Amino acid sequence: MVESLSLLRKKEILTIGLYAAAIAIVLVSFLHFYKRSNTVLRIVEHPNASLRQVAGLVDRIDHSIISLSNNMIATLQYLAMLDFFSKGSLPKGLAAPQVGVSKRLFVCGINGDMKVMINPRIIKRGGTYLSHEGCLSLQSEGKRVVQRSAYIKLRYKDLENTDRILVARDRHAALLEHEIDHLNGIFNIDY
């Protein structure tokens, strides 16, 4: 009886292991296909000096800015899938300087909506929020606690060159401040 239970457990463990291996193969294949089908940009990592420069304004929203934005979204989505399955985390934003382009532009996911923010500027902020932040350009640093604003009002342009206002609170406000810091050559390790 004990031997049959032991044999049953070994079969269950083997079955679970085979299913896990099959799922891993499918996920790796999907990520490889996604990366080949989309332009996934290389992330510039600290201490690269270009990350400390203040990014220049986007003068004109043309094909190159739209293409950059699309490639940044594809990169962020790829990294989100990769990090979710490998680290259990989910990157939510990516600034142009992090992909080697010194322009005031970033992409981010807020409330399930991917936004492209061009020449963003905080016009109002208030309160305090403790944010637990990671950074794609600081992979070796892990997460840090950074004091951010609990509320911000942000003005930016979208890809249609329309002026937009976004009000964000807590973790979304922290995300936006984190990305604007990248545009100003600032890291969360500077706090």
Protein backbone atom coordinates (compact mmCIF):
# COMPACT_ATOMS: atom_id res chain seq x y z
CA MET A 1 0.00 0.00 0.00
CA VAL A 2 2.80 2.43 0.93
CA GLU A 3 4.71 1.49 -2.23
CA SER A 4 1.64 2.18 -4.41
CA LEU A 5 1.16 5.62 -2.78
CA SER A 6 4.83 6.43 -3.35
CA LEU A 7 4.58 5.31 -6.97
CA LEU A 8 1.39 7.40 -7.40
CA ARG A 9 3.16 10.49 -6.00
CA LYS A 10 6.13 9.98 -8.30
CA LYS A 11 3.77 9.79 -11.28
CA GLU A 12 1.97 12.97 -10.16
CA ILE A 13 5.25 14.82 -9.72
CA LEU A 14 6.47 13.61 -13.10
CA THR A 15 3.18 14.67 -14.76
CA ILE A 16 3.34 18.13 -13.15
CA GLY A 17 6.98 18.48 -14.21
CA LEU A 18 6.12 17.56 -17.80
CA TYR A 19 3.26 20.08 -17.89
CA ALA A 20 5.53 22.78 -16.45
CA ALA A 21 8.21 22.01 -19.04
CA ALA A 22 5.63 22.15 -21.85
CA ILE A 23 4.31 25.51 -20.61
CA ALA A 24 7.86 26.87 -20.33
CA ILE A 25 8.63 25.79 -23.91
CA VAL A 26 5.47 27.48 -25.19
CA LEU A 27 6.27 30.70 -23.28
CA VAL A 28 9.87 30.82 -24.48
CA SER A 29 8.72 30.17 -28.06
CA PHE A 30 6.12 32.93 -27.80
CA LEU A 31 8.65 35.43 -26.42
CA HIS A 32 11.12 34.52 -29.17
CA PHE A 33 8.40 34.96 -31.81
CA TYR A 34 7.29 38.28 -30.28
CA LYS A 35 10.85 39.60 -30.27
CA ARG A 36 11.40 38.57 -33.90
CA SER A 37 8.05 40.06 -35.00
CA ASN A 38 8.50 43.41 -33.23
CA THR A 39 11.34 45.86 -32.80
CA VAL A 40 12.51 45.31 -29.24
CA LEU A 41 15.03 47.96 -28.32
CA ARG A 42 18.11 47.50 -26.14
CA ILE A 43 17.88 49.04 -22.67
CA VAL A 44 20.71 51.42 -21.80
CA GLU A 45 21.96 50.61 -18.31
CA HIS A 46 23.51 52.67 -15.54
CA PRO A 47 26.26 53.96 -15.35
CA ASN A 48 26.05 54.94 -19.05
CA ALA A 49 26.65 58.72 -19.06
CA SER A 50 23.87 59.37 -21.60
CA LEU A 51 21.30 58.48 -18.94
CA ARG A 52 22.44 61.49 -16.86
CA GLN A 53 21.74 64.04 -19.62
CA VAL A 54 18.61 66.18 -19.66
CA ALA A 55 16.57 65.04 -22.67
CA GLY A 56 15.71 67.55 -25.39
CA LEU A 57 12.19 68.60 -26.34
CA VAL A 58 10.39 66.83 -29.16
CA ASP A 59 10.03 69.59 -31.77
CA ARG A 60 7.81 67.77 -34.22
CA ILE A 61 5.72 64.62 -33.99
CA ASP A 62 6.65 62.88 -37.21
CA HIS A 63 7.12 59.34 -38.47
CA SER A 64 10.37 58.90 -36.50
CA ILE A 65 8.66 59.81 -33.18
CA ILE A 66 5.68 57.57 -33.93
CA SER A 67 8.01 54.71 -34.87
CA LEU A 68 10.11 55.25 -31.73
CA SER A 69 6.93 55.24 -29.60
CA ASN A 70 5.70 52.00 -31.19
CA ASN A 71 9.09 50.35 -30.69
CA MET A 72 9.19 51.52 -27.06
CA ILE A 73 5.71 50.07 -26.47
CA ALA A 74 6.79 46.77 -28.05
CA THR A 75 9.92 46.79 -25.86
CA LEU A 76 7.95 47.53 -22.69
CA GLN A 77 5.42 44.78 -23.49
CA TYR A 78 8.20 42.28 -24.20
CA LEU A 79 10.01 43.15 -20.97
CA ALA A 80 6.75 42.97 -19.04
CA MET A 81 6.16 39.41 -20.24
CA LEU A 82 9.76 38.42 -19.62
CA ASP A 83 9.91 39.97 -16.14
CA PHE A 84 6.50 38.64 -15.13
CA PHE A 85 7.51 35.04 -15.82
CA SER A 86 11.11 35.30 -14.62
CA LYS A 87 10.86 37.68 -11.65
CA GLY A 88 7.17 38.04 -10.87
CA SER A 89 7.41 41.79 -11.50
CA LEU A 90 5.92 44.00 -14.16
CA PRO A 91 7.70 47.07 -15.57
CA LYS A 92 5.18 49.83 -16.25
CA GLY A 93 7.11 52.59 -17.99
CA LEU A 94 9.99 53.27 -20.34
CA ALA A 95 11.60 56.64 -21.12
CA ALA A 96 13.31 57.44 -24.42
CA PRO A 97 16.74 57.97 -22.78
CA GLN A 98 16.54 54.36 -21.55
CA VAL A 99 16.65 53.21 -25.17
CA GLY A 100 19.38 55.64 -26.17
CA VAL A 101 17.25 58.51 -27.47
CA SER A 102 17.64 61.85 -25.68
CA LYS A 103 14.08 63.09 -26.27
CA ARG A 104 11.38 64.08 -23.77
CA LEU A 105 9.10 61.15 -24.42
CA PHE A 106 8.02 58.11 -22.45
CA VAL A 107 5.49 55.31 -22.66
CA CYS A 108 3.66 53.85 -19.69
CA GLY A 109 0.76 51.66 -18.73
CA ILE A 110 -1.87 53.30 -16.54
CA ASN A 111 -5.13 51.56 -15.65
CA GLY A 112 -4.62 49.05 -18.47
CA ASP A 113 -4.14 51.79 -21.07
CA MET A 114 -0.79 52.32 -22.81
CA LYS A 115 0.02 56.03 -23.03
CA VAL A 116 2.63 57.89 -25.02
CA MET A 117 3.59 61.14 -23.31
CA ILE A 118 5.55 63.71 -25.27
CA ASN A 119 7.17 66.73 -23.59
CA PRO A 120 5.47 65.95 -20.26
CA ARG A 121 5.47 68.60 -17.56
CA ILE A 122 4.13 68.38 -14.02
CA ILE A 123 1.97 71.44 -13.40
CA LYS A 124 0.73 70.54 -9.91
CA ARG A 125 1.70 68.10 -7.20
CA GLY A 126 0.87 67.41 -3.61
CA GLY A 127 1.05 64.97 -0.73
CA THR A 128 3.51 62.18 -0.09
CA TYR A 129 3.54 58.60 -1.30
CA LEU A 130 6.17 55.94 -0.57
CA SER A 131 6.83 54.12 -3.82
CA HIS A 132 8.57 50.73 -4.12
CA GLU A 133 10.41 51.17 -7.40
CA GLY A 134 12.52 49.07 -9.68
CA CYS A 135 14.16 50.42 -12.81
CA LEU A 136 14.92 48.77 -16.13
CA SER A 137 18.21 50.68 -16.35
CA LEU A 138 19.20 49.64 -12.81
CA GLN A 139 18.48 45.90 -12.85
CA SER A 140 21.24 45.12 -10.34
CA GLU A 141 19.90 47.57 -7.76
CA GLY A 142 16.58 45.84 -7.09
CA LYS A 143 13.62 47.77 -5.70
CA ARG A 144 14.01 50.91 -3.62
CA VAL A 145 11.60 52.92 -1.52
CA VAL A 146 11.35 56.46 -2.89
CA GLN A 147 9.27 59.33 -1.53
CA ARG A 148 7.07 60.62 -4.34
CA SER A 149 4.04 62.87 -4.69
CA ALA A 150 0.67 61.37 -3.82
CA TYR A 151 -1.01 63.54 -6.46
CA ILE A 152 0.19 65.09 -9.69
CA LYS A 153 -1.36 66.92 -12.59
CA LEU A 154 0.59 66.41 -15.79
CA ARG A 155 0.45 68.23 -19.12
CA TYR A 156 1.75 66.44 -22.23
CA LYS A 157 1.18 65.94 -25.94
CA ASP A 158 -0.05 62.69 -27.43
CA LEU A 159 0.92 61.23 -30.81
CA GLU A 160 -1.81 63.28 -32.52
CA ASN A 161 -0.08 66.45 -31.22
CA THR A 162 -3.02 67.13 -28.92
CA ASP A 163 -2.42 68.77 -25.54
CA ARG A 164 -3.58 66.48 -22.74
CA ILE A 165 -3.91 66.76 -18.98
CA LEU A 166 -3.66 63.71 -16.75
CA VAL A 167 -4.34 63.60 -13.03
CA ALA A 168 -2.71 60.69 -11.24
CA ARG A 169 -2.58 59.54 -7.66
CA ASP A 170 -0.32 57.31 -5.57
CA ARG A 171 1.37 54.56 -7.61
CA HIS A 172 0.43 56.13 -10.95
CA ALA A 173 1.74 59.52 -9.81
CA ALA A 174 4.95 57.80 -8.68
CA LEU A 175 5.29 56.06 -12.04
CA LEU A 176 4.93 59.34 -13.92
CA GLU A 177 7.44 61.10 -11.66
CA HIS A 178 9.88 58.18 -12.10
CA GLU A 179 9.69 58.47 -15.90
CA ILE A 180 10.02 62.27 -15.86
CA ASP A 181 13.09 61.81 -13.65
CA HIS A 182 14.62 59.75 -16.48
CA LEU A 183 14.01 62.65 -18.85
CA ASN A 184 15.94 64.86 -16.42
CA GLY A 185 18.87 62.47 -15.92
CA ILE A 186 17.74 61.43 -12.43
CA PHE A 187 17.53 57.88 -11.00
CA ASN A 188 15.63 56.55 -8.02
CA ILE A 189 19.03 55.84 -6.41
CA ASP A 190 19.55 59.63 -6.26
CA TYR A 191 16.91 59.99 -3.54
